[in-house]
Amino acid sequence: MASSKKTKSVKKKSPAKKAKLSAFKMPESADIAYVGDFLQDIKKLVKGRQKKVVIDCSKIERITTPCIQVFLSAAETLGRSKRALVVKSASSAMEEAFSDLGFGAQLKKWST
């Protein structure tokens, strides 16, 4: 008599699904009132194991120096562990703010 064992099928994640990245979305106003929350969120992302930390900046209408400093620090920290910060869709307000502070080249380096 044949055995009627049920075998569990194990689904393996495909490389495409593993590589899919979701972007952290920045608010319209990335100012001093937001920087504390932003810093905490970035710390969590940096502690993760993603090769690329993707931040969607398309909605930013206002960004101040403290938030720009968080971007610079995150990029430096990620770079030390051979990882990267990726800025998705930097708004014109963000590009202008980074350029005003002399960091336009860094923003272009991270932008997609």
Foldseek 3Di string as FASTA:
>chain_A
DDDDDDDDDDDDDDPVVVLDDDAAEDAQEAEPVCLVVVLVVLVVVLPDDDLEHEHEQQNHPYHDDSNVVSVVVSQVSSVVVNGGYAYERHHPNRLVRCVVVPNNVVNVVRYD
